[in-house]
Amino acid sequence: MLIIPIKDGENIDRALKRFKRKFDKTGGMRQLRARKQFLKPSVKNRQKIQKAQYIQQLRDSESI
């Protein structure tokens, strides 16, 4: 649970903006979406390898 202390006289919009930023940094939505559907370990590993290949391809094209 995220706790955002609000200072005296602080605008509620500003506090809401801090809450949203903190929520994004903790990865709450990503975690919710990942838990929504079960992924087999083999599929997770395949996605991990594909992501690594993509990043490596970007790095290789950057150095050329």
PDB file of N, CA and C in Angstrom:
ATOM      1  N   MET A   1       0.841  -1.174   0.000  1.00  0.00           N
ATOM      2  CA  MET A   1       0.000   0.000   0.000  1.00  0.00           C
ATOM      3  C   MET A   1       0.883   1.234   0.000  1.00  0.00           C
ATOM      4  N   LEU A   2       0.574   2.150  -0.896  1.00  0.00           N
ATOM      5  CA  LEU A   2       1.351   3.370  -0.995  1.00  0.00           C
ATOM      6  C   LEU A   2       0.779   4.443  -0.093  1.00  0.00           C
ATOM      7  N   ILE A   3       1.653   5.116   0.610  1.00  0.00           N
ATOM      8  CA  ILE A   3       1.238   6.208   1.484  1.00  0.00           C
ATOM      9  C   ILE A   3       1.912   7.483   0.995  1.00  0.00           C
ATOM     10  N   ILE A   4       1.107   8.483   0.717  1.00  0.00           N
ATOM     11  CA  ILE A   4       1.613   9.768   0.265  1.00  0.00           C
ATOM     12  C   ILE A   4       1.228  10.819   1.309  1.00  0.00           C
ATOM     13  N   PRO A   5       2.173  11.293   2.093  1.00  0.00           N
ATOM     14  CA  PRO A   5       1.837  12.332   3.076  1.00  0.00           C
ATOM     15  C   PRO A   5       1.568  13.664   2.375  1.00  0.00           C
ATOM     16  N   ILE A   6       0.479  14.312   2.754  1.00  0.00           N
ATOM     17  CA  ILE A   6       0.113  15.602   2.169  1.00  0.00           C
ATOM     18  C   ILE A   6       0.471  16.693   3.165  1.00  0.00           C
ATOM     19  N   LYS A   7       1.238  17.648   2.694  1.00  0.00           N
ATOM     20  CA  LYS A   7       1.673  18.751   3.554  1.00  0.00           C
ATOM     21  C   LYS A   7       0.556  19.786   3.683  1.00  0.00           C
ATOM     22  N   ASP A   8       0.632  20.595   4.715  1.00  0.00           N
ATOM     23  CA  ASP A   8      -0.379  21.641   4.924  1.00  0.00           C
ATOM     24  C   ASP A   8      -0.366  22.615   3.757  1.00  0.00           C
ATOM     25  N   GLY A   9      -1.537  22.859   3.205  1.00  0.00           N
ATOM     26  CA  GLY A   9      -1.661  23.819   2.117  1.00  0.00           C
ATOM     27  C   GLY A   9      -1.230  23.279   0.772  1.00  0.00           C
ATOM     28  N   GLU A  10      -0.941  21.993   0.690  1.00  0.00           N
ATOM     29  CA  GLU A  10      -0.508  21.418  -0.585  1.00  0.00           C
ATOM     30  C   GLU A  10      -1.722  21.139  -1.473  1.00  0.00           C
ATOM     31  N   ASN A  11      -1.572  21.416  -2.729  1.00  0.00           N
ATOM     32  CA  ASN A  11      -2.634  21.196  -3.699  1.00  0.00           C
ATOM     33  C   ASN A  11      -2.865  19.693  -3.874  1.00  0.00           C
ATOM     34  N   ILE A  12      -4.116  19.285  -3.952  1.00  0.00           N
ATOM     35  CA  ILE A  12      -4.442  17.861  -4.088  1.00  0.00           C
ATOM     36  C   ILE A  12      -3.969  17.318  -5.439  1.00  0.00           C
ATOM     37  N   ASP A  13      -3.950  18.160  -6.461  1.00  0.00           N
ATOM     38  CA  ASP A  13      -3.468  17.715  -7.776  1.00  0.00           C
ATOM     39  C   ASP A  13      -1.988  17.347  -7.715  1.00  0.00           C
ATOM     40  N   ARG A  14      -1.250  18.124  -6.962  1.00  0.00           N
ATOM     41  CA  ARG A  14       0.183  17.854  -6.830  1.00  0.00           C
ATOM     42  C   ARG A  14       0.421  16.527  -6.089  1.00  0.00           C
ATOM     43  N   ALA A  15      -0.372  16.298  -5.036  1.00  0.00           N
ATOM     44  CA  ALA A  15      -0.251  15.051  -4.279  1.00  0.00           C
ATOM     45  C   ALA A  15      -0.660  13.859  -5.142  1.00  0.00           C
ATOM     46  N   LEU A  16      -1.694  14.035  -5.954  1.00  0.00           N
ATOM     47  CA  LEU A  16      -2.128  12.975  -6.862  1.00  0.00           C
ATOM     48  C   LEU A  16      -1.044  12.665  -7.887  1.00  0.00           C
ATOM     49  N   LYS A  17      -0.374  13.689  -8.363  1.00  0.00           N
ATOM     50  CA  LYS A  17       0.716  13.505  -9.324  1.00  0.00           C
ATOM     51  C   LYS A  17       1.861  12.724  -8.682  1.00  0.00           C
ATOM     52  N   ARG A  18       2.170  13.025  -7.400  1.00  0.00           N
ATOM     53  CA  ARG A  18       3.211  12.269  -6.699  1.00  0.00           C
ATOM     54  C   ARG A  18       2.800  10.814  -6.520  1.00  0.00           C
ATOM     55  N   PHE A  19       1.509  10.586  -6.217  1.00  0.00           N
ATOM     56  CA  PHE A  19       1.014   9.225  -6.063  1.00  0.00           C
ATOM     57  C   PHE A  19       1.157   8.448  -7.365  1.00  0.00           C
ATOM     58  N   LYS A  20       0.760   9.053  -8.469  1.00  0.00           N
ATOM     59  CA  LYS A  20       0.845   8.374  -9.769  1.00  0.00           C
ATOM     60  C   LYS A  20       2.293   8.028 -10.107  1.00  0.00           C
ATOM     61  N   ARG A  21       3.203   8.963  -9.840  1.00  0.00           N
ATOM     62  CA  ARG A  21       4.615   8.731 -10.129  1.00  0.00           C
ATOM     63  C   ARG A  21       5.165   7.585  -9.283  1.00  0.00           C
ATOM     64  N   LYS A  22       4.802   7.575  -8.007  1.00  0.00           N
ATOM     65  CA  LYS A  22       5.260   6.525  -7.104  1.00  0.00           C
ATOM     66  C   LYS A  22       4.668   5.170  -7.504  1.00  0.00           C
ATOM     67  N   PHE A  23       3.404   5.175  -7.912  1.00  0.00           N
ATOM     68  CA  PHE A  23       2.733   3.953  -8.346  1.00  0.00           C
ATOM     69  C   PHE A  23       3.404   3.386  -9.594  1.00  0.00           C
ATOM     70  N   ASP A  24       3.789   4.258 -10.528  1.00  0.00           N
ATOM     71  CA  ASP A  24       4.475   3.804 -11.744  1.00  0.00           C
ATOM     72  C   ASP A  24       5.839   3.210 -11.413  1.00  0.00           C
ATOM     73  N   LYS A  25       6.546   3.834 -10.485  1.00  0.00           N
ATOM     74  CA  LYS A  25       7.881   3.348 -10.132  1.00  0.00           C
ATOM     75  C   LYS A  25       7.849   1.990  -9.449  1.00  0.00           C
ATOM     76  N   THR A  26       6.812   1.730  -8.667  1.00  0.00           N
ATOM     77  CA  THR A  26       6.725   0.446  -7.982  1.00  0.00           C
ATOM     78  C   THR A  26       6.301  -0.675  -8.918  1.00  0.00           C
ATOM     79  N   GLY A  27       5.732  -0.333 -10.067  1.00  0.00           N
ATOM     80  CA  GLY A  27       5.351  -1.357 -11.043  1.00  0.00           C
ATOM     81  C   GLY A  27       4.050  -2.051 -10.696  1.00  0.00           C
ATOM     82  N   GLY A  28       3.134  -1.358 -10.082  1.00  0.00           N
ATOM     83  CA  GLY A  28       1.870  -1.946  -9.666  1.00  0.00           C
ATOM     84  C   GLY A  28       1.021  -2.439 -10.827  1.00  0.00           C
ATOM     85  N   MET A  29       0.890  -1.632 -11.862  1.00  0.00           N
ATOM     86  CA  MET A  29       0.056  -2.032 -13.001  1.00  0.00           C
ATOM     87  C   MET A  29       0.679  -3.200 -13.759  1.00  0.00           C
ATOM     88  N   ARG A  30       2.002  -3.165 -13.925  1.00  0.00           N
ATOM     89  CA  ARG A  30       2.659  -4.274 -14.619  1.00  0.00           C
ATOM     90  C   ARG A  30       2.439  -5.581 -13.871  1.00  0.00           C
ATOM     91  N   GLN A  31       2.523  -5.508 -12.561  1.00  0.00           N
ATOM     92  CA  GLN A  31       2.335  -6.696 -11.747  1.00  0.00           C
ATOM     93  C   GLN A  31       0.892  -7.196 -11.834  1.00  0.00           C
ATOM     94  N   LEU A  32      -0.067  -6.284 -11.816  1.00  0.00           N
ATOM     95  CA  LEU A  32      -1.467  -6.680 -11.939  1.00  0.00           C
ATOM     96  C   LEU A  32      -1.738  -7.357 -13.282  1.00  0.00           C
ATOM     97  N   ARG A  33      -1.195  -6.790 -14.340  1.00  0.00           N
ATOM     98  CA  ARG A  33      -1.411  -7.361 -15.671  1.00  0.00           C
ATOM     99  C   ARG A  33      -0.727  -8.716 -15.810  1.00  0.00           C
ATOM    100  N   ALA A  34       0.418  -8.872 -15.175  1.00  0.00           N
ATOM    101  CA  ALA A  34       1.127 -10.150 -15.253  1.00  0.00           C
ATOM    102  C   ALA A  34       0.379 -11.231 -14.483  1.00  0.00           C
ATOM    103  N   ARG A  35      -0.242 -10.871 -13.383  1.00  0.00           N
ATOM    104  CA  ARG A  35      -0.969 -11.848 -12.574  1.00  0.00           C
ATOM    105  C   ARG A  35      -2.344 -12.179 -13.146  1.00  0.00           C
ATOM    106  N   LYS A  36      -2.815 -11.359 -14.050  1.00  0.00           N
ATOM    107  CA  LYS A  36      -4.145 -11.551 -14.622  1.00  0.00           C
ATOM    108  C   LYS A  36      -4.227 -12.834 -15.433  1.00  0.00           C
ATOM    109  N   GLN A  37      -3.112 -13.223 -16.007  1.00  0.00           N
ATOM    110  CA  GLN A  37      -3.100 -14.379 -16.891  1.00  0.00           C
ATOM    111  C   GLN A  37      -1.858 -15.215 -16.590  1.00  0.00           C
ATOM    112  N   PHE A  38      -2.032 -16.545 -16.560  1.00  0.00           N
ATOM    113  CA  PHE A  38      -0.920 -17.427 -16.267  1.00  0.00           C
ATOM    114  C   PHE A  38      -0.077 -17.637 -17.517  1.00  0.00           C
ATOM    115  N   LEU A  39       1.235 -17.518 -17.364  1.00  0.00           N
ATOM    116  CA  LEU A  39       2.171 -17.805 -18.445  1.00  0.00           C
ATOM    117  C   LEU A  39       3.024 -19.002 -18.053  1.00  0.00           C
ATOM    118  N   LYS A  40       3.123 -19.945 -18.963  1.00  0.00           N
ATOM    119  CA  LYS A  40       3.957 -21.106 -18.689  1.00  0.00           C
ATOM    120  C   LYS A  40       5.416 -20.661 -18.610  1.00  0.00           C
ATOM    121  N   PRO A  41       6.226 -21.360 -17.818  1.00  0.00           N
ATOM    122  CA  PRO A  41       7.643 -20.991 -17.702  1.00  0.00           C
ATOM    123  C   PRO A  41       8.368 -21.011 -19.046  1.00  0.00           C
ATOM    124  N   SER A  42       7.994 -21.935 -19.926  1.00  0.00           N
ATOM    125  CA  SER A  42       8.652 -21.994 -21.235  1.00  0.00           C
ATOM    126  C   SER A  42       8.351 -20.737 -22.053  1.00  0.00           C
ATOM    127  N   VAL A  43       7.142 -20.213 -21.929  1.00  0.00           N
ATOM    128  CA  VAL A  43       6.770 -18.998 -22.656  1.00  0.00           C
ATOM    129  C   VAL A  43       7.517 -17.799 -22.074  1.00  0.00           C
ATOM    130  N   LYS A  44       7.638 -17.757 -20.746  1.00  0.00           N
ATOM    131  CA  LYS A  44       8.390 -16.671 -20.108  1.00  0.00           C
ATOM    132  C   LYS A  44       9.843 -16.673 -20.578  1.00  0.00           C
ATOM    133  N   ASN A  45      10.442 -17.876 -20.616  1.00  0.00           N
ATOM    134  CA  ASN A  45      11.835 -17.987 -21.055  1.00  0.00           C
ATOM    135  C   ASN A  45      11.989 -17.562 -22.509  1.00  0.00           C
ATOM    136  N   ARG A  46      11.030 -17.950 -23.339  1.00  0.00           N
ATOM    137  CA  ARG A  46      11.087 -17.577 -24.753  1.00  0.00           C
ATOM    138  C   ARG A  46      10.999 -16.061 -24.908  1.00  0.00           C
ATOM    139  N   GLN A  47      10.107 -15.414 -24.160  1.00  0.00           N
ATOM    140  CA  GLN A  47       9.982 -13.956 -24.214  1.00  0.00           C
ATOM    141  C   GLN A  47      11.258 -13.278 -23.731  1.00  0.00           C
ATOM    142  N   LYS A  48      11.864 -13.849 -22.699  1.00  0.00           N
ATOM    143  CA  LYS A  48      13.106 -13.301 -22.160  1.00  0.00           C
ATOM    144  C   LYS A  48      14.227 -13.370 -23.206  1.00  0.00           C
ATOM    145  N   ILE A  49      14.315 -14.501 -23.894  1.00  0.00           N
ATOM    146  CA  ILE A  49      15.338 -14.665 -24.935  1.00  0.00           C
ATOM    147  C   ILE A  49      15.084 -13.719 -26.095  1.00  0.00           C
ATOM    148  N   GLN A  50      13.821 -13.576 -26.498  1.00  0.00           N
ATOM    149  CA  GLN A  50      13.487 -12.675 -27.600  1.00  0.00           C
ATOM    150  C   GLN A  50      13.820 -11.232 -27.247  1.00  0.00           C
ATOM    151  N   LYS A  51      13.569 -10.848 -26.009  1.00  0.00           N
ATOM    152  CA  LYS A  51      13.893  -9.488 -25.575  1.00  0.00           C
ATOM    153  C   LYS A  51      15.405  -9.265 -25.597  1.00  0.00           C
ATOM    154  N   ALA A  52      16.159 -10.262 -25.137  1.00  0.00           N
ATOM    155  CA  ALA A  52      17.622 -10.155 -25.139  1.00  0.00           C
ATOM    156  C   ALA A  52      18.152 -10.058 -26.569  1.00  0.00           C
ATOM    157  N   GLN A  53      17.565 -10.829 -27.493  1.00  0.00           N
ATOM    158  CA  GLN A  53      17.981 -10.759 -28.898  1.00  0.00           C
ATOM    159  C   GLN A  53      17.693  -9.388 -29.487  1.00  0.00           C
ATOM    160  N   TYR A  54      16.528  -8.842 -29.159  1.00  0.00           N
ATOM    161  CA  TYR A  54      16.154  -7.525 -29.663  1.00  0.00           C
ATOM    162  C   TYR A  54      17.116  -6.453 -29.157  1.00  0.00           C
ATOM    163  N   ILE A  55      17.420  -6.491 -27.868  1.00  0.00           N
ATOM    164  CA  ILE A  55      18.340  -5.505 -27.295  1.00  0.00           C
ATOM    165  C   ILE A  55      19.731  -5.645 -27.899  1.00  0.00           C
ATOM    166  N   GLN A  56      20.181  -6.887 -28.084  1.00  0.00           N
ATOM    167  CA  GLN A  56      21.487  -7.114 -28.690  1.00  0.00           C
ATOM    168  C   GLN A  56      21.525  -6.593 -30.121  1.00  0.00           C
ATOM    169  N   GLN A  57      20.432  -6.782 -30.842  1.00  0.00           N
ATOM    170  CA  GLN A  57      20.339  -6.294 -32.224  1.00  0.00           C
ATOM    171  C   GLN A  57      20.427  -4.769 -32.257  1.00  0.00           C
ATOM    172  N   LEU A  58      19.762  -4.104 -31.306  1.00  0.00           N
ATOM    173  CA  LEU A  58      19.837  -2.646 -31.233  1.00  0.00           C
ATOM    174  C   LEU A  58      21.259  -2.187 -30.933  1.00  0.00           C
ATOM    175  N   ARG A  59      21.928  -2.867 -30.032  1.00  0.00           N
ATOM    176  CA  ARG A  59      23.302  -2.497 -29.684  1.00  0.00           C
ATOM    177  C   ARG A  59      24.253  -2.737 -30.850  1.00  0.00           C
ATOM    178  N   ASP A  60      24.034  -3.816 -31.587  1.00  0.00           N
ATOM    179  CA  ASP A  60      24.895  -4.103 -32.734  1.00  0.00           C
ATOM    180  C   ASP A  60      24.708  -3.059 -33.834  1.00  0.00           C
ATOM    181  N   SER A  61      23.470  -2.682 -34.093  1.00  0.00           N
ATOM    182  CA  SER A  61      23.215  -1.692 -35.141  1.00  0.00           C
ATOM    183  C   SER A  61      23.696  -0.294 -34.719  1.00  0.00           C
ATOM    184  N   GLU A  62      23.763  -0.047 -33.419  1.00  0.00           N
ATOM    185  CA  GLU A  62      24.223   1.231 -32.913  1.00  0.00           C
ATOM    186  C   GLU A  62      25.723   1.385 -33.093  1.00  0.00           C
ATOM    187  N   SER A  63      26.459   0.296 -32.963  1.00  0.00           N
ATOM    188  CA  SER A  63      27.922   0.363 -33.036  1.00  0.00           C
ATOM    189  C   SER A  63      28.434   0.395 -34.481  1.00  0.00           C
ATOM    190  N   ILE A  64      27.602   0.048 -35.429  1.00  0.00           N
ATOM    191  CA  ILE A  64      28.046   0.026 -36.850  1.00  0.00           C
ATOM    192  C   ILE A  64      28.064   1.418 -37.422  1.00  0.00           C
TER     193      ILE A  64
END
